[in-house]
Structure formats: structure tokens, C-alpha cells
Amino acid sequence: MLKALEQTSLPRILVYLLKKGRASRTDLKKDIDASQQAIYNALPILLEHGLIREIQSNSFPFKIEIELTDKGREVAKRLSEIEDIMKDKG
């Protein structure tokens, strides 16, 4: 899994979902500094490792939203902590 996290968009997606809760693919594409292809390539990897799940709405407009699993939330928290440490000038 560590090798998968080397892809820049994976940690960004996880931290973004930690902050936002749920997001559509369109939200991810719009709000994350990564190419659409990178984001779309990352999602199956995150699903495969049980870090995210897809929630499909039952009413119109039908859309799929992505949210963190418990495991994904734990990984995202740690990534966010690392991000905070790296931002700290002290």
C-alpha cells in the first residue's frame, strides 16, 4: 500500500475527503490539484485497499459520492498530521 501512496493524488484525495466528508468525482476533479486522469486512476486503488467507498443516491439526480471508510479515515488523519508537521516552520 505504501507504494500506492507514492502516487501524489492518493494522499490528496484522502485528506480532502477527511476535511469534506463526501465528494463526487466532479468535486475531486475541481478541488484537488491533480489531473482528472490521476484522480480517476487513484479511485480504484483506494477502493481496492478499503480506504474509500462509493455511495450511490437512490433518487434523481442519480450520482455517486465517495467517502472514507474507517480505515481510510485513520490513514487520512495521519497524512493530515504529516502535512501539518511539514507546514510547521519551527
N, C-alpha and C. Protein backbone atom coordinates (compact mmCIF):
# COMPACT_ATOMS: atom_id res chain seq x y z
N MET A 1 0.83 -1.20 0.00
CA MET A 1 0.00 0.00 0.00
C MET A 1 0.86 1.25 0.00
N LEU A 2 2.01 1.19 0.66
CA LEU A 2 2.87 2.36 0.69
C LEU A 2 3.27 2.78 -0.71
N LYS A 3 3.52 1.80 -1.56
CA LYS A 3 3.87 2.11 -2.95
C LYS A 3 2.72 2.85 -3.62
N ALA A 4 1.49 2.44 -3.35
CA ALA A 4 0.32 3.11 -3.93
C ALA A 4 0.24 4.55 -3.45
N LEU A 5 0.58 4.80 -2.18
CA LEU A 5 0.50 6.15 -1.64
C LEU A 5 1.53 7.10 -2.26
N GLU A 6 2.51 6.53 -2.95
CA GLU A 6 3.50 7.37 -3.61
C GLU A 6 2.88 8.16 -4.76
N GLN A 7 1.74 7.71 -5.26
CA GLN A 7 1.04 8.49 -6.28
C GLN A 7 0.46 9.73 -5.59
N THR A 8 0.82 10.87 -6.07
CA THR A 8 0.50 12.14 -5.42
C THR A 8 -0.98 12.32 -5.17
N SER A 9 -1.81 11.88 -6.08
CA SER A 9 -3.24 12.15 -5.94
C SER A 9 -3.89 11.34 -4.83
N LEU A 10 -3.36 10.18 -4.48
CA LEU A 10 -3.98 9.36 -3.44
C LEU A 10 -4.00 10.07 -2.09
N PRO A 11 -2.86 10.56 -1.59
CA PRO A 11 -2.92 11.27 -0.30
C PRO A 11 -3.80 12.52 -0.37
N ARG A 12 -3.76 13.21 -1.49
CA ARG A 12 -4.59 14.42 -1.63
C ARG A 12 -6.07 14.09 -1.54
N ILE A 13 -6.47 13.01 -2.19
CA ILE A 13 -7.87 12.59 -2.15
C ILE A 13 -8.27 12.23 -0.72
N LEU A 14 -7.43 11.47 -0.04
CA LEU A 14 -7.75 11.06 1.33
C LEU A 14 -7.89 12.25 2.27
N VAL A 15 -6.95 13.18 2.22
CA VAL A 15 -7.01 14.35 3.10
C VAL A 15 -8.21 15.23 2.74
N TYR A 16 -8.49 15.37 1.46
CA TYR A 16 -9.64 16.15 1.01
C TYR A 16 -10.94 15.55 1.58
N LEU A 17 -11.09 14.24 1.47
CA LEU A 17 -12.29 13.59 1.97
C LEU A 17 -12.39 13.68 3.49
N LEU A 18 -11.25 13.67 4.17
CA LEU A 18 -11.26 13.82 5.62
C LEU A 18 -11.85 15.18 5.99
N LYS A 19 -11.49 16.20 5.25
CA LYS A 19 -11.97 17.56 5.53
C LYS A 19 -13.41 17.77 5.07
N LYS A 20 -13.76 17.19 3.93
CA LYS A 20 -15.07 17.46 3.33
C LYS A 20 -16.14 16.45 3.73
N GLY A 21 -15.77 15.23 3.98
CA GLY A 21 -16.76 14.19 4.27
C GLY A 21 -17.03 13.35 3.05
N ARG A 22 -17.94 13.80 2.22
CA ARG A 22 -18.27 13.11 0.96
C ARG A 22 -17.99 14.03 -0.21
N ALA A 23 -17.71 13.42 -1.36
CA ALA A 23 -17.47 14.22 -2.56
C ALA A 23 -17.79 13.38 -3.79
N SER A 24 -18.21 14.05 -4.82
CA SER A 24 -18.40 13.40 -6.11
C SER A 24 -17.08 13.41 -6.87
N ARG A 25 -17.02 12.66 -7.95
CA ARG A 25 -15.83 12.70 -8.80
C ARG A 25 -15.61 14.12 -9.34
N THR A 26 -16.70 14.79 -9.64
CA THR A 26 -16.61 16.17 -10.14
C THR A 26 -15.99 17.09 -9.09
N ASP A 27 -16.40 16.92 -7.82
CA ASP A 27 -15.81 17.71 -6.73
C ASP A 27 -14.31 17.46 -6.65
N LEU A 28 -13.92 16.20 -6.71
CA LEU A 28 -12.50 15.86 -6.63
C LEU A 28 -11.73 16.50 -7.77
N LYS A 29 -12.28 16.38 -8.97
CA LYS A 29 -11.62 16.94 -10.16
C LYS A 29 -11.47 18.45 -10.03
N LYS A 30 -12.48 19.09 -9.48
CA LYS A 30 -12.50 20.55 -9.37
C LYS A 30 -11.59 21.06 -8.24
N ASP A 31 -11.55 20.34 -7.13
CA ASP A 31 -10.92 20.86 -5.92
C ASP A 31 -9.51 20.34 -5.62
N ILE A 32 -9.10 19.27 -6.26
CA ILE A 32 -7.79 18.69 -5.96
C ILE A 32 -6.80 19.05 -7.06
N ASP A 33 -5.60 19.42 -6.66
CA ASP A 33 -4.56 19.79 -7.60
C ASP A 33 -3.92 18.54 -8.20
N ALA A 34 -4.66 17.91 -9.10
CA ALA A 34 -4.19 16.72 -9.81
C ALA A 34 -5.01 16.61 -11.09
N SER A 35 -4.45 15.92 -12.04
CA SER A 35 -5.17 15.76 -13.31
C SER A 35 -6.38 14.84 -13.12
N GLN A 36 -7.34 14.99 -14.00
CA GLN A 36 -8.52 14.13 -13.97
C GLN A 36 -8.11 12.67 -14.08
N GLN A 37 -7.16 12.38 -14.95
CA GLN A 37 -6.69 11.01 -15.14
C GLN A 37 -6.07 10.46 -13.86
N ALA A 38 -5.27 11.28 -13.18
CA ALA A 38 -4.64 10.85 -11.93
C ALA A 38 -5.69 10.52 -10.87
N ILE A 39 -6.71 11.36 -10.79
CA ILE A 39 -7.78 11.14 -9.82
C ILE A 39 -8.55 9.86 -10.16
N TYR A 40 -8.92 9.72 -11.42
CA TYR A 40 -9.68 8.54 -11.83
C TYR A 40 -8.87 7.26 -11.72
N ASN A 41 -7.55 7.34 -11.87
CA ASN A 41 -6.70 6.16 -11.67
C ASN A 41 -6.55 5.82 -10.19
N ALA A 42 -6.61 6.82 -9.34
CA ALA A 42 -6.43 6.62 -7.91
C ALA A 42 -7.63 5.96 -7.25
N LEU A 43 -8.82 6.27 -7.71
CA LEU A 43 -10.03 5.78 -7.03
C LEU A 43 -10.11 4.26 -6.95
N PRO A 44 -9.85 3.52 -8.03
CA PRO A 44 -9.89 2.05 -7.91
C PRO A 44 -8.85 1.50 -6.92
N ILE A 45 -7.71 2.14 -6.82
CA ILE A 45 -6.67 1.71 -5.87
C ILE A 45 -7.16 1.93 -4.44
N LEU A 46 -7.75 3.09 -4.20
CA LEU A 46 -8.28 3.39 -2.87
C LEU A 46 -9.42 2.44 -2.50
N LEU A 47 -10.27 2.12 -3.47
CA LEU A 47 -11.34 1.15 -3.24
C LEU A 47 -10.78 -0.23 -2.93
N GLU A 48 -9.80 -0.65 -3.72
CA GLU A 48 -9.20 -1.98 -3.57
C GLU A 48 -8.59 -2.17 -2.18
N HIS A 49 -8.01 -1.10 -1.63
CA HIS A 49 -7.38 -1.18 -0.33
C HIS A 49 -8.33 -0.86 0.82
N GLY A 50 -9.60 -0.66 0.49
CA GLY A 50 -10.61 -0.44 1.52
C GLY A 50 -10.52 0.90 2.21
N LEU A 51 -9.99 1.91 1.52
CA LEU A 51 -9.85 3.23 2.12
C LEU A 51 -11.03 4.15 1.82
N ILE A 52 -11.75 3.87 0.74
CA ILE A 52 -12.94 4.65 0.38
C ILE A 52 -14.07 3.71 0.02
N ARG A 53 -15.27 4.25 -0.02
CA ARG A 53 -16.43 3.52 -0.53
C ARG A 53 -17.24 4.49 -1.37
N GLU A 54 -17.99 3.93 -2.29
CA GLU A 54 -18.86 4.74 -3.15
C GLU A 54 -20.29 4.58 -2.68
N ILE A 55 -20.98 5.70 -2.56
CA ILE A 55 -22.37 5.73 -2.13
C ILE A 55 -23.20 6.26 -3.30
N GLN A 56 -24.15 5.46 -3.76
CA GLN A 56 -24.99 5.87 -4.88
C GLN A 56 -26.33 6.36 -4.35
N SER A 57 -26.75 7.53 -4.84
CA SER A 57 -28.03 8.08 -4.40
C SER A 57 -29.17 7.26 -5.00
N ASN A 58 -30.27 7.22 -4.26
CA ASN A 58 -31.43 6.45 -4.70
C ASN A 58 -32.47 7.29 -5.41
N SER A 59 -32.20 8.57 -5.52
CA SER A 59 -33.18 9.44 -6.16
C SER A 59 -32.49 10.32 -7.20
N PHE A 60 -33.31 10.93 -8.05
CA PHE A 60 -32.79 11.79 -9.10
C PHE A 60 -32.33 13.10 -8.50
N PRO A 61 -31.24 13.69 -8.87
CA PRO A 61 -30.32 13.18 -9.89
C PRO A 61 -29.42 12.09 -9.29
N PHE A 62 -29.34 10.97 -9.99
CA PHE A 62 -28.53 9.86 -9.53
C PHE A 62 -27.06 10.22 -9.64
N LYS A 63 -26.36 10.11 -8.52
CA LYS A 63 -24.93 10.39 -8.55
C LYS A 63 -24.23 9.50 -7.55
N ILE A 64 -22.96 9.37 -7.73
CA ILE A 64 -22.14 8.57 -6.84
C ILE A 64 -21.25 9.51 -6.05
N GLU A 65 -21.28 9.37 -4.75
CA GLU A 65 -20.38 10.14 -3.90
C GLU A 65 -19.38 9.18 -3.26
N ILE A 66 -18.24 9.72 -2.93
CA ILE A 66 -17.15 8.94 -2.37
C ILE A 66 -16.93 9.41 -0.95
N GLU A 67 -16.73 8.46 -0.03
CA GLU A 67 -16.42 8.81 1.34
C GLU A 67 -15.38 7.85 1.88
N LEU A 68 -14.73 8.25 2.96
CA LEU A 68 -13.72 7.43 3.59
C LEU A 68 -14.36 6.29 4.39
N THR A 69 -13.70 5.16 4.40
CA THR A 69 -14.06 4.09 5.33
C THR A 69 -13.38 4.42 6.66
N ASP A 70 -13.63 3.64 7.69
CA ASP A 70 -12.94 3.85 8.95
C ASP A 70 -11.43 3.74 8.76
N LYS A 71 -11.01 2.74 8.02
CA LYS A 71 -9.59 2.55 7.73
C LYS A 71 -9.04 3.76 6.97
N GLY A 72 -9.77 4.24 5.98
CA GLY A 72 -9.36 5.39 5.20
C GLY A 72 -9.26 6.65 6.04
N ARG A 73 -10.18 6.79 7.00
CA ARG A 73 -10.17 7.95 7.89
C ARG A 73 -8.91 7.94 8.75
N GLU A 74 -8.51 6.77 9.23
CA GLU A 74 -7.29 6.66 10.04
C GLU A 74 -6.06 7.03 9.22
N VAL A 75 -5.99 6.53 8.00
CA VAL A 75 -4.85 6.85 7.13
C VAL A 75 -4.85 8.34 6.82
N ALA A 76 -6.02 8.90 6.50
CA ALA A 76 -6.12 10.32 6.16
C ALA A 76 -5.72 11.20 7.34
N LYS A 77 -6.10 10.81 8.56
CA LYS A 77 -5.73 11.59 9.75
C LYS A 77 -4.21 11.66 9.88
N ARG A 78 -3.57 10.54 9.67
CA ARG A 78 -2.11 10.51 9.79
C ARG A 78 -1.45 11.33 8.68
N LEU A 79 -1.99 11.23 7.48
CA LEU A 79 -1.45 12.05 6.38
C LEU A 79 -1.63 13.53 6.68
N SER A 80 -2.77 13.89 7.25
CA SER A 80 -3.03 15.28 7.60
C SER A 80 -2.07 15.75 8.69
N GLU A 81 -1.77 14.88 9.66
CA GLU A 81 -0.81 15.22 10.70
C GLU A 81 0.57 15.45 10.09
N ILE A 82 0.97 14.61 9.15
CA ILE A 82 2.25 14.78 8.47
C ILE A 82 2.28 16.10 7.73
N GLU A 83 1.17 16.41 7.05
CA GLU A 83 1.07 17.67 6.32
C GLU A 83 1.25 18.86 7.28
N ASP A 84 0.62 18.78 8.45
CA ASP A 84 0.74 19.86 9.44
C ASP A 84 2.18 20.00 9.93
N ILE A 85 2.84 18.87 10.18
CA ILE A 85 4.24 18.91 10.62
C ILE A 85 5.11 19.56 9.56
N MET A 86 4.87 19.21 8.30
CA MET A 86 5.68 19.75 7.22
C MET A 86 5.46 21.25 7.04
N LYS A 87 4.27 21.75 7.37
CA LYS A 87 3.97 23.18 7.26
C LYS A 87 4.59 23.97 8.40
N ASP A 88 4.82 23.30 9.53
CA ASP A 88 5.36 23.97 10.72
C ASP A 88 6.78 24.44 10.45
N LYS A 89 7.02 25.71 10.65
CA LYS A 89 8.34 26.32 10.38
C LYS A 89 9.33 26.05 11.51
N GLY A 90 8.83 25.64 12.69
CA GLY A 90 9.66 25.51 13.87
C GLY A 90 10.36 24.25 13.99
